[in-house]
Protein backbone atom coordinates (compact mmCIF):
# COMPACT_ATOMS: atom_id res chain seq x y z
CA MET A 1 13.74 -33.77 13.39
CA VAL A 2 12.51 -30.62 11.73
CA MET A 3 11.70 -27.77 13.59
CA VAL A 4 9.22 -25.36 12.03
CA LEU A 5 8.62 -21.79 13.20
CA PHE A 6 5.05 -20.52 12.58
CA ILE A 7 5.26 -16.51 12.64
CA PHE A 8 2.03 -14.81 12.93
CA LEU A 9 2.82 -12.14 14.95
CA HIS A 10 5.37 -8.52 14.28
CA PRO A 11 8.41 -9.15 16.29
CA THR A 12 11.68 -8.60 15.07
CA LEU A 13 14.04 -10.66 13.37
CA PHE A 14 16.22 -10.51 16.02
CA SER A 15 13.90 -11.85 18.48
CA PHE A 16 13.39 -14.59 16.41
CA PHE A 17 16.89 -15.25 16.13
CA PHE A 18 17.01 -15.92 20.16
CA VAL A 19 13.60 -17.89 19.80
CA CYS A 20 15.53 -20.37 17.68
CA PHE A 21 18.56 -20.44 20.00
CA LEU A 22 16.45 -20.98 23.08
CA MET A 23 14.06 -23.51 21.58
CA GLN A 24 17.56 -25.64 20.18
CA GLU A 25 19.02 -25.68 23.60
CA SER A 26 15.62 -26.42 25.06
CA LEU A 27 15.59 -29.23 22.63
CA ASN A 28 18.91 -30.87 23.23
CA LEU A 29 18.34 -30.55 27.30
CA LYS A 30 15.16 -32.72 26.83
CA LEU A 31 17.08 -35.11 24.41
CA ASN A 32 19.81 -35.47 26.68
CA ARG A 33 22.38 -34.42 23.19
CA THR A 34 24.99 -31.20 22.80
CA GLY A 35 25.77 -29.64 19.88
CA VAL A 36 22.84 -30.55 17.56
CA GLU A 37 21.34 -28.55 15.37
CA ASN A 38 17.95 -29.25 13.75
CA PRO A 39 16.94 -27.72 10.62
CA TRP A 40 14.32 -24.77 10.54
CA PHE A 41 12.09 -24.34 7.83
CA VAL A 42 10.19 -20.85 8.37
CA PHE A 43 6.53 -20.12 7.21
CA GLY A 44 4.72 -17.08 7.57
CA VAL A 45 1.42 -15.33 5.69
CA SER A 46 1.20 -11.71 4.74
CA TYR A 47 3.44 -9.21 6.82
CA SER A 48 4.84 -12.47 8.62
CA GLY A 49 5.24 -14.05 4.90
CA ALA A 50 7.61 -10.94 5.04
CA LEU A 51 9.44 -11.74 7.91
CA SER A 52 9.83 -15.66 6.91
CA ALA A 53 11.88 -14.26 3.89
CA TRP A 54 13.71 -11.76 5.58
CA PHE A 55 14.67 -14.03 8.38
CA ARG A 56 15.83 -16.44 5.74
CA LEU A 57 17.79 -13.35 4.39
CA LYS A 58 19.39 -12.88 7.29
CA PHE A 59 20.12 -15.84 8.88
CA PRO A 60 20.66 -18.51 6.33
CA HIS A 61 23.09 -20.46 8.55
CA LEU A 62 20.02 -21.18 10.94
CA THR A 63 17.36 -22.24 8.04
CA CYS A 64 16.79 -24.66 5.44
CA GLY A 65 14.58 -22.50 3.54
CA SER A 66 11.14 -20.00 3.94
CA LEU A 67 7.90 -20.32 2.98
CA ALA A 68 6.77 -16.69 2.54
CA SER A 69 2.79 -16.59 2.01
CA SER A 70 1.03 -13.63 0.39
CA ALA A 71 4.66 -11.93 1.49
CA VAL A 72 4.68 -8.14 1.14
CA VAL A 73 8.28 -7.71 0.82
CA LEU A 74 8.21 -4.44 -1.28
CA ALA A 75 7.68 -1.70 1.40
CA VAL A 76 5.28 1.09 -1.49
CA TYR A 77 4.66 4.22 -0.32
CA ASN A 78 1.64 5.07 -2.50
CA TYR A 79 0.13 1.94 -2.83
CA THR A 80 -2.41 2.68 -5.58
CA GLU A 81 -2.28 -1.19 -7.03
CA PHE A 82 -4.38 -1.94 -4.16
CA ASP A 83 -7.43 -0.34 -5.25
CA GLN A 84 -6.89 -1.28 -8.52
CA GLN A 85 -6.93 -4.96 -7.58
CA ILE A 86 -10.02 -4.46 -5.97
CA GLY A 87 -11.58 -3.11 -8.86
CA GLU A 88 -10.14 -5.91 -11.23
CA SER A 89 -11.23 -8.51 -8.74
CA ALA A 90 -14.68 -7.16 -8.15
CA GLY A 91 -15.45 -7.36 -12.13
CA ALA A 92 -17.23 -4.49 -14.25
CA GLU A 93 -20.60 -4.80 -12.40
CA CYS A 94 -19.65 -5.19 -8.92
CA LYS A 95 -16.64 -2.06 -9.24
CA ALA A 96 -19.82 -0.08 -11.05
CA ALA A 97 -21.98 -0.73 -7.85
CA LEU A 98 -18.89 0.14 -5.20
CA GLN A 99 -18.11 3.31 -7.46
CA GLU A 100 -21.53 4.75 -7.37
CA THR A 101 -21.76 3.78 -3.47
CA THR A 102 -18.50 6.07 -2.77
CA GLN A 103 -20.38 8.61 -4.74
CA LEU A 104 -23.51 8.47 -3.02
CA VAL A 105 -21.82 8.15 0.59
CA GLU A 106 -19.59 11.15 -0.17
CA GLU A 107 -22.79 13.21 -0.86
CA ARG A 108 -24.33 11.90 1.98
CA LEU A 109 -21.56 13.07 3.94
CA ALA A 110 -21.57 16.91 2.55
CA SER A 111 -25.50 17.36 3.84
CA ASN A 112 -25.71 14.94 6.81
CA LYS A 113 -22.86 13.49 8.06
CA LYS A 114 -24.25 12.60 11.44
CA ALA A 115 -27.11 10.26 9.39
CA VAL A 116 -24.94 8.35 6.89
CA LYS A 117 -22.30 7.49 9.83
CA THR A 118 -24.85 6.37 12.16
CA LEU A 119 -26.19 4.11 9.11
CA PHE A 120 -22.94 2.12 9.55
CA ASP A 121 -22.77 2.10 13.44
CA ALA A 122 -19.64 4.40 12.92
CA ALA A 123 -20.57 7.80 14.14
CA GLU A 124 -17.63 7.61 16.75
CA LEU A 125 -15.47 8.22 13.68
CA GLU A 126 -15.82 12.04 13.60
CA ILE A 127 -12.72 12.42 10.96
CA ASP A 128 -14.15 11.72 7.55
CA GLY A 129 -11.10 10.34 6.50
CA ASP A 130 -10.86 7.61 9.38
CA PHE A 131 -15.22 6.40 8.19
CA LEU A 132 -14.10 6.31 4.06
CA TYR A 133 -11.04 4.40 4.91
CA PHE A 134 -13.42 2.34 6.80
CA LEU A 135 -15.91 1.85 4.04
CA ALA A 136 -12.79 1.31 1.93
CA ASP A 137 -10.97 -1.69 3.89
CA ALA A 138 -14.81 -3.46 4.02
CA ALA A 139 -14.73 -3.64 0.59
CA ALA A 140 -11.31 -4.93 0.12
CA ILE A 141 -11.54 -7.76 2.51
CA ALA A 142 -14.35 -9.28 0.77
CA PHE A 143 -11.93 -10.03 -1.90
CA GLN A 144 -8.45 -10.27 0.31
CA TYR A 145 -9.85 -12.79 2.38
CA GLY A 146 -12.14 -15.05 -0.74
CA ASN A 147 -15.65 -13.81 0.20
CA PRO A 148 -16.48 -12.12 -2.78
CA ASP A 149 -19.72 -13.34 -3.57
CA LYS A 150 -20.68 -11.85 0.79
CA LEU A 151 -20.15 -8.38 -0.90
CA CYS A 152 -21.06 -8.33 -4.94
CA SER A 153 -24.13 -10.56 -4.92
CA PRO A 154 -26.22 -8.40 -2.66
CA LEU A 155 -24.76 -5.03 -3.72
CA VAL A 156 -25.02 -5.67 -7.97
CA GLN A 157 -28.71 -7.02 -7.11
CA ALA A 158 -29.62 -3.84 -5.19
CA LYS A 159 -28.39 -1.96 -7.75
CA LYS A 160 -30.46 -3.75 -10.40
CA ASP A 161 -33.19 -3.47 -8.35
CA GLY A 162 -33.35 -0.05 -7.95
CA GLU A 163 -32.37 0.10 -4.26
CA ASP A 164 -30.58 2.40 -2.01
CA LEU A 165 -27.30 0.93 -2.66
CA VAL A 166 -25.74 2.78 0.31
CA GLU A 167 -28.51 1.03 2.55
CA ALA A 168 -27.63 -2.37 0.97
CA TYR A 169 -23.22 -1.35 1.61
CA ALA A 170 -24.58 -0.46 5.22
CA LYS A 171 -26.26 -3.99 5.73
CA TYR A 172 -22.81 -5.85 4.41
CA VAL A 173 -20.75 -3.41 6.30
CA THR A 174 -22.47 -3.94 9.46
CA GLU A 175 -23.42 -7.76 9.31
CA TYR A 176 -20.54 -8.96 7.64
CA TYR A 177 -17.52 -6.83 8.07
CA VAL A 178 -18.17 -5.82 11.84
CA GLY A 179 -20.56 -8.56 12.77
CA SER A 180 -19.11 -12.03 10.80
CA PHE A 181 -15.47 -10.84 10.05
CA GLY A 182 -15.30 -8.92 13.48
CA VAL A 183 -13.72 -5.70 12.81
CA SER A 184 -13.33 -3.08 15.47
CA ILE A 185 -14.80 0.16 14.42
CA ARG A 186 -12.25 1.72 17.05
CA THR A 187 -9.15 0.28 14.97
CA TYR A 188 -9.97 3.24 12.45
CA ASP A 189 -10.63 5.80 14.86
CA GLN A 190 -7.36 7.99 15.27
CA ARG A 191 -8.12 8.98 18.78
CA HIS A 192 -7.94 5.28 19.86
CA LEU A 193 -4.58 4.93 17.84
CA LYS A 194 -3.12 7.59 19.73
CA ASP A 195 -3.84 5.51 23.07
CA THR A 196 -0.68 4.47 24.45
CA THR A 197 -2.09 1.92 27.25
CA LEU A 198 -1.19 -1.72 26.78
CA ASN A 199 -4.39 -3.57 26.12
CA GLU A 200 -5.59 -6.34 23.71
CA ASN A 201 -6.04 -3.20 21.28
CA THR A 202 -2.37 -2.58 21.03
CA GLY A 203 -1.73 -4.48 17.91
CA ASP A 204 -3.72 -1.46 15.67
CA ARG A 205 -1.18 1.77 17.22
CA LEU A 206 1.86 -1.02 16.37
CA TRP A 207 0.69 -1.74 13.05
CA TRP A 208 0.48 1.85 12.15
CA PHE A 209 3.69 2.75 13.66
CA GLN A 210 5.32 -0.02 10.87
CA VAL A 211 2.91 1.48 8.05
CA CYS A 212 4.17 5.47 9.19
CA THR A 213 7.92 4.79 9.91
CA GLU A 214 8.87 1.96 7.57
CA VAL A 215 6.91 0.34 4.66
CA ALA A 216 3.80 3.08 4.25
CA TYR A 217 1.50 0.81 2.11
CA PHE A 218 -0.46 3.87 1.62
CA GLN A 219 -3.82 2.61 0.15
CA VAL A 220 -4.57 5.87 -1.99
CA ALA A 221 -7.11 6.42 -4.25
CA PRO A 222 -6.02 6.35 -7.68
CA ALA A 223 -5.92 9.21 -9.64
CA ASN A 224 -8.80 7.60 -12.27
CA ASP A 225 -11.54 4.99 -12.17
CA SER A 226 -10.93 4.44 -7.90
CA ILE A 227 -13.06 2.59 -5.79
CA ARG A 228 -12.44 4.38 -2.81
CA SER A 229 -13.34 7.51 -1.94
CA SER A 230 -10.15 10.48 -3.43
CA GLN A 231 -10.33 11.48 -0.23
CA VAL A 232 -8.44 8.81 1.28
CA ASP A 233 -5.32 10.24 -0.24
CA THR A 234 -1.78 10.60 0.82
CA ARG A 235 -2.95 13.30 2.78
CA TYR A 236 -4.88 11.61 4.83
CA HIS A 237 -1.92 9.10 5.52
CA LEU A 238 0.69 11.75 6.37
CA ASP A 239 -1.88 13.73 8.52
CA LEU A 240 -2.42 10.27 10.56
CA CYS A 241 1.03 9.52 11.08
CA LYS A 242 1.37 13.15 12.21
CA LYS A 243 -1.21 13.33 14.67
CA VAL A 244 -0.86 9.75 16.20
CA PHE A 245 2.99 9.46 16.57
CA GLY A 246 3.96 13.21 16.36
CA GLU A 247 5.36 15.66 14.06
CA GLY A 248 8.32 14.08 11.54
CA THR A 249 6.77 10.69 11.47
CA TYR A 250 7.69 9.67 7.94
CA PRO A 251 7.77 6.13 6.50
CA GLU A 252 11.22 5.45 4.99
CA VAL A 253 10.23 3.01 2.25
CA ASP A 254 13.59 3.29 0.25
CA LYS A 255 15.85 2.33 3.42
CA THR A 256 13.52 -0.68 3.81
CA ASN A 257 13.67 -2.00 0.28
CA ILE A 258 17.49 -1.21 0.24
CA TYR A 259 17.91 -2.89 3.69
CA TYR A 260 15.97 -6.14 2.66
CA GLY A 261 15.69 -6.20 -1.24
CA GLY A 262 11.89 -5.58 -1.93
CA THR A 263 10.87 -8.04 -4.52
CA ASN A 264 14.83 -8.01 -5.59
CA ILE A 265 15.60 -10.09 -2.38
CA ALA A 266 18.71 -11.31 -2.93
CA GLY A 267 17.67 -14.55 -1.01
CA SER A 268 17.67 -18.40 -1.51
CA ARG A 269 15.63 -20.89 -0.99
CA ILE A 270 12.40 -19.27 -0.44
CA VAL A 271 8.98 -20.14 -2.01
CA PHE A 272 6.72 -17.27 -2.89
CA THR A 273 2.84 -17.34 -3.41
CA ASN A 274 -0.06 -15.68 -3.85
CA GLY A 275 -3.81 -15.83 -4.47
CA SER A 276 -4.91 -14.11 -8.05
CA GLN A 277 -7.85 -12.18 -6.07
CA ASP A 278 -5.52 -10.71 -3.27
CA PRO A 279 -4.76 -6.99 -3.30
CA TRP A 280 -1.70 -7.17 -1.32
CA ARG A 281 0.21 -9.49 -4.22
CA HIS A 282 1.38 -6.36 -5.69
CA ALA A 283 3.70 -6.11 -2.96
CA SER A 284 4.98 -9.45 -2.95
CA LYS A 285 7.53 -10.89 -4.97
CA LYS A 286 5.60 -12.10 -8.21
CA ILE A 287 8.16 -13.29 -10.67
CA SER A 288 10.88 -16.61 -9.88
CA SER A 289 14.25 -16.07 -9.72
CA PRO A 290 16.94 -18.75 -9.00
CA ASP A 291 16.39 -20.76 -6.04
CA MET A 292 13.29 -18.57 -5.30
CA PRO A 293 10.25 -19.87 -7.04
CA SER A 294 6.77 -17.63 -7.24
CA PHE A 295 3.37 -19.21 -7.44
CA VAL A 296 0.28 -18.21 -8.17
CA MET A 297 -2.96 -19.63 -7.30
CA SER A 298 -5.78 -18.47 -9.87
CA CYS A 299 -9.32 -18.78 -9.20
CA HIS A 300 -12.30 -16.87 -8.12
CA ASN A 301 -11.73 -16.44 -4.41
CA CYS A 302 -7.96 -17.00 -4.04
CA GLY A 303 -6.66 -14.27 -1.94
CA HIS A 304 -4.39 -13.59 0.92
CA GLY A 305 -2.71 -16.96 2.03
CA THR A 306 -4.62 -19.26 0.54
CA ASP A 307 -2.19 -22.21 0.12
CA MET A 308 -1.87 -22.38 3.76
CA ARG A 309 -5.47 -20.82 4.76
CA GLY A 310 -7.70 -22.59 1.79
CA CYS A 311 -10.98 -20.68 0.94
CA PRO A 312 -12.48 -18.80 2.09
CA GLN A 313 -9.44 -17.35 4.37
CA SER A 314 -11.85 -16.11 6.90
CA PRO A 315 -13.65 -17.33 9.12
CA PHE A 316 -9.57 -19.18 9.45
CA ASN A 317 -9.71 -22.85 8.80
CA ILE A 318 -6.59 -24.53 10.46
CA GLU A 319 -6.76 -27.11 7.77
CA GLY A 320 -6.87 -25.02 5.12
CA ASN A 321 -9.39 -26.53 3.35
CA ALA A 322 -9.07 -25.88 -0.66
CA ARG A 323 -12.36 -27.24 -1.60
CA ASN A 324 -14.25 -24.43 -1.74
CA CYS A 325 -11.94 -22.71 -3.73
CA GLY A 326 -12.95 -21.70 -7.11
CA SER A 327 -10.45 -23.91 -8.21
CA PRO A 328 -9.27 -26.54 -5.92
CA ASP A 329 -6.87 -28.03 -8.32
CA ALA A 330 -4.71 -24.71 -8.91
CA VAL A 331 -4.67 -24.73 -5.05
CA GLU A 332 -3.24 -28.00 -4.49
CA LYS A 333 -1.02 -28.03 -7.49
CA VAL A 334 0.72 -24.81 -5.45
CA ARG A 335 0.97 -26.66 -2.36
CA HIS A 336 2.15 -29.63 -4.24
CA GLN A 337 4.95 -27.83 -5.76
CA ILE A 338 5.81 -26.05 -1.95
CA ILE A 339 6.14 -29.76 -0.35
CA GLU A 340 8.61 -30.57 -3.41
CA LYS A 341 10.61 -27.37 -2.75
CA MET A 342 10.72 -28.32 1.19
CA ASP A 343 11.51 -32.22 0.50
CA LEU A 344 14.27 -31.01 -2.04
CA TRP A 345 16.26 -28.03 0.57
CA LEU A 346 15.46 -30.39 4.05
CA SER A 347 17.18 -33.47 2.23
CA GLU A 348 19.81 -31.57 0.99
CA CYS A 349 20.33 -29.68 4.44
CA HIS A 350 20.37 -33.38 6.15
CA ALA A 351 22.80 -34.70 3.63
CA SER A 352 25.14 -31.64 4.58
CA GLY A 353 24.81 -32.62 8.35
CA ARG A 354 24.21 -28.82 9.03
CA SER A 355 20.74 -26.67 9.33
CA SER A 356 21.42 -24.62 6.09
CA MET A 357 23.65 -24.31 3.24
């Protein structure tokens, strides 16, 4: 029997060590046996994909292998590649429309910020940087989760027809990003992030604490040709960290990368996968190394965790349907490669009589 551990939250690696121990003890008790160690194979997507790889790295004696899907194993201080990938994924027409939209929004913020924020139903975001970060995320999510046409088709058409681009973008943000995708605008409000009350939205603060202390991933505007506003810069992120968590809060990305290895992770039996349109792929391991293959799924809407989630990646499909991917064959090919590695590593574990090697 193979124990499959799906990691979709943000607990510590040591917490999962004890989870493994307790689950193994419980299974042995249920089957009335002692001293049996089942082989574990660890799965994760995105940040949990990094946890999956790191768990295999730190506890190889407990695992047979790991699937690290869209695993952000490299902590990055100023993550300009994020915005650059959005531009590449968008294509020339959509990129130009997005850049013009950003410029128009900045101009309206300067003349009548209340009106433009109200247009996006985001008047509660009093800090301009929070508002501009919200708008940047709204665009990024279309490519990250395999829905580029939801954004680009109406925006490009609006530009061709001479319509108001800000209004066209506001329609996408309010109807899709907030409406269908379901994001909460409060997520971007620093006043909300400062709230230490435990509730269903606590995860927002917890994620930002990871960002502000360990991994950064500051999604700053590149110096040239950016899509997001240049006001979303390093200073904005550092100010957020200071205001939300206090003076002296700073992401120690070098320390994180030294401890886990970044893209030079010294692990084994880890499969890394990434989608070609995913802006997070530049924080993942993209080059194969011995016993750690890296596969890329290339298609129009191959994004974050495509190998496990299919296309689009949101709304989430538990079966990971690949039929709606721009190239279903490219996704299925990578899935078969994953299965081949899993079969090999699990058979080696069984042959050795150990949970790992």
